[in-house]
Structure formats: structure tokens, C-alpha cells
Amino acid sequence: MYPAELVKPMREDLTSVGFEELFTAEAVEKIVNAEGTTLVVVNSVCGCAAANARPGAKMSLLNDKKPDNTVTVFAGVDTDAVNAARGLMVPFPPSSPSMALFRNGELVHMIERHHIEGRPAEMIAENLKQAYDEFC
């Protein structure tokens, strides 16, 4: 596990724009299975999370259509919540950072780490916006 003081600013990068942190498997399952759409961001300490994933997730919310819920779990810290989120992202292998859009409990769009690494935040945001336009 990473020290709380190390990940605090990385958590706040998303919570400062309205993402809700989830810490338990029950919280993940409840929000993902709720009616409507939910974006789940698996946050991470890695460089591609800081340079690409978090900025892309934030930029994606500047769209006419957006998810009903935006939540985040932190890899290497929120073990139960991350495991529950990853379990709902099957058949995609675990990766962090990653992002998944669910509608009424069904996984409808997935962005894996290999889609994030080396891609600008703007490209990630556009990918998410297209998913919002289709599913939200």
C-alpha cells in the first residue's frame, strides 16, 4: 500500500472535480448496478495516470452528455474496491490506470492502460466523450 500522504493529491485531482471515492466492494457494486451510467476510474500513482488518465477523465466531463455518476478507486490502496471494480470489468485484464463506463450495471465501454500510455489526455477525453454521447 502507498502512504496516504503520497496519494492524497492524486486522489484530490479527481475528487476536486466531483468524482466520488469508493473504498469498499459493496460501494462499487451498489453504484455500478444503480440505474443510469457510471464512469469508474481506477486511479494510480504511475506517470500515465498523472499525465494522461486523470486529465483525460476530467476533460471528458466538459461534454453535453456525461455519466450520472463519476467514481474512483485507487490501485495499491483501496484493495477491496479495486478488486470489485476489476471483477465487473471482466473480460478485460486488470490494469491501472483504467476507466470503465457502465450503464445499468452493464460494462459498455472500457479504456485499458495500453489505451492510456503514450496518448494525450485530449485523445482520452474524446474517446470518453464519444462513449458518453452513445450511452449516456
Protein backbone atom coordinates (compact mmCIF):
# COMPACT_ATOMS: atom_id res chain seq x y z
CA MET A 1 0.00 0.00 0.00
CA TYR A 2 1.05 3.53 -0.67
CA PRO A 3 1.20 6.06 2.18
CA ALA A 4 -1.92 8.21 2.48
CA GLU A 5 0.06 11.45 2.22
CA LEU A 6 1.59 10.28 -1.09
CA VAL A 7 -1.73 9.53 -2.79
CA LYS A 8 -3.73 12.41 -1.28
CA PRO A 9 -3.00 14.90 -4.10
CA MET A 10 -3.62 12.18 -6.71
CA ARG A 11 -7.00 11.42 -5.14
CA GLU A 12 -7.85 15.12 -4.96
CA ASP A 13 -7.05 15.53 -8.64
CA LEU A 14 -10.32 13.69 -9.34
CA THR A 15 -12.38 14.43 -6.23
CA SER A 16 -11.87 18.17 -6.74
CA VAL A 17 -13.99 17.94 -9.90
CA GLY A 18 -16.72 15.79 -8.36
CA PHE A 19 -15.50 12.19 -8.56
CA GLU A 20 -16.62 10.18 -5.54
CA GLU A 21 -14.05 7.92 -3.91
CA LEU A 22 -15.15 4.37 -3.22
CA PHE A 23 -13.41 2.30 -0.59
CA THR A 24 -15.44 -0.92 -0.35
CA ALA A 25 -16.60 -3.65 -2.68
CA GLU A 26 -20.17 -3.01 -1.57
CA ALA A 27 -19.98 0.67 -2.57
CA VAL A 28 -18.60 -0.24 -6.00
CA GLU A 29 -21.27 -2.85 -6.67
CA LYS A 30 -24.06 -0.55 -5.48
CA ILE A 31 -23.13 2.42 -7.69
CA VAL A 32 -22.27 0.35 -10.77
CA ASN A 33 -25.53 -1.56 -10.55
CA ALA A 34 -27.61 1.58 -9.99
CA GLU A 35 -29.88 2.78 -12.76
CA GLY A 36 -28.09 5.09 -15.17
CA THR A 37 -24.47 5.46 -16.19
CA THR A 38 -21.35 5.33 -14.06
CA LEU A 39 -17.76 6.08 -15.01
CA VAL A 40 -15.28 4.19 -12.84
CA VAL A 41 -11.68 5.42 -12.91
CA VAL A 42 -9.05 3.10 -11.46
CA ASN A 43 -6.55 5.70 -10.30
CA SER A 44 -2.84 5.02 -9.97
CA VAL A 45 0.46 6.58 -8.88
CA CYS A 46 2.05 5.98 -12.27
CA GLY A 47 3.10 8.73 -14.63
CA CYS A 48 0.49 7.92 -17.27
CA ALA A 49 -2.24 8.41 -14.66
CA ALA A 50 -0.90 11.87 -13.86
CA ALA A 51 -0.18 12.98 -17.43
CA ASN A 52 -2.94 11.25 -19.35
CA ALA A 53 -5.65 9.40 -17.40
CA ARG A 54 -6.72 11.89 -14.74
CA PRO A 55 -6.56 14.93 -17.04
CA GLY A 56 -8.43 12.99 -19.74
CA ALA A 57 -11.14 11.91 -17.30
CA LYS A 58 -11.58 15.49 -16.10
CA MET A 59 -11.67 16.93 -19.63
CA SER A 60 -14.24 14.33 -20.67
CA LEU A 61 -16.77 15.88 -18.32
CA LEU A 62 -16.80 19.03 -20.47
CA ASN A 63 -19.45 17.45 -22.66
CA ASP A 64 -23.19 17.90 -23.11
CA LYS A 65 -23.79 14.27 -22.18
CA LYS A 66 -21.94 12.80 -19.22
CA PRO A 67 -22.33 9.92 -16.78
CA ASP A 68 -24.85 10.10 -13.97
CA ASN A 69 -22.09 9.02 -11.56
CA THR A 70 -18.32 9.51 -11.63
CA VAL A 71 -16.37 7.43 -9.14
CA THR A 72 -12.81 6.42 -8.50
CA VAL A 73 -10.92 3.65 -6.74
CA PHE A 74 -7.17 3.76 -6.10
CA ALA A 75 -4.96 0.83 -7.17
CA GLY A 76 -2.50 -0.22 -4.49
CA VAL A 77 -4.58 1.44 -1.77
CA ASP A 78 -8.30 0.64 -1.94
CA THR A 79 -7.81 -3.09 -2.43
CA ASP A 80 -11.38 -4.30 -1.86
CA ALA A 81 -12.91 -1.57 -4.01
CA VAL A 82 -10.35 -2.04 -6.81
CA ASN A 83 -10.86 -5.81 -6.83
CA ALA A 84 -14.63 -5.36 -7.02
CA ALA A 85 -14.33 -2.84 -9.85
CA ARG A 86 -11.95 -5.07 -11.78
CA GLY A 87 -14.28 -8.01 -11.27
CA LEU A 88 -17.01 -6.03 -13.00
CA MET A 89 -14.64 -5.18 -15.88
CA VAL A 90 -14.18 -8.80 -16.99
CA PRO A 91 -13.19 -9.94 -19.63
CA PHE A 92 -10.63 -7.12 -19.59
CA PRO A 93 -7.49 -7.94 -17.60
CA PRO A 94 -6.70 -5.82 -14.54
CA SER A 95 -4.81 -2.66 -15.37
CA SER A 96 -4.21 0.68 -13.77
CA PRO A 97 -4.96 3.25 -14.61
CA SER A 98 -8.09 2.26 -16.47
CA MET A 99 -11.61 3.58 -17.00
CA ALA A 100 -14.90 1.80 -17.46
CA LEU A 101 -18.32 3.12 -18.34
CA PHE A 102 -21.29 1.14 -17.07
CA ARG A 103 -24.95 1.56 -17.94
CA ASN A 104 -27.50 -0.08 -15.65
CA GLY A 105 -24.80 -2.43 -14.36
CA GLU A 106 -23.52 -3.46 -17.79
CA LEU A 107 -20.00 -2.65 -18.95
CA VAL A 108 -20.44 -0.67 -22.18
CA HIS A 109 -17.02 0.97 -22.71
CA MET A 110 -13.51 0.25 -21.48
CA ILE A 111 -10.20 2.09 -21.65
CA GLU A 112 -7.27 -0.03 -20.56
CA ARG A 113 -3.81 1.12 -19.56
CA HIS A 114 -2.42 0.37 -23.02
CA HIS A 115 -5.01 2.81 -24.43
CA ILE A 116 -3.76 5.48 -21.99
CA GLU A 117 0.02 5.14 -22.15
CA GLY A 118 1.56 7.45 -24.73
CA ARG A 119 -1.74 9.06 -25.69
CA PRO A 120 -2.53 12.68 -24.92
CA ALA A 121 -5.21 13.48 -22.37
CA GLU A 122 -7.26 15.15 -25.10
CA MET A 123 -7.45 11.89 -27.05
CA ILE A 124 -8.58 10.00 -23.95
CA ALA A 125 -11.20 12.69 -23.25
CA GLU A 126 -12.52 12.46 -26.82
CA ASN A 127 -12.74 8.68 -26.53
CA LEU A 128 -14.81 9.04 -23.36
CA LYS A 129 -16.99 11.81 -24.83
CA GLN A 130 -17.89 9.56 -27.75
CA ALA A 131 -18.89 6.86 -25.28
CA TYR A 132 -20.97 9.37 -23.29
CA ASP A 133 -22.70 10.52 -26.47
CA GLU A 134 -23.60 6.93 -27.26
CA PHE A 135 -24.51 5.57 -23.84
CA CYS A 136 -25.44 8.48 -21.55
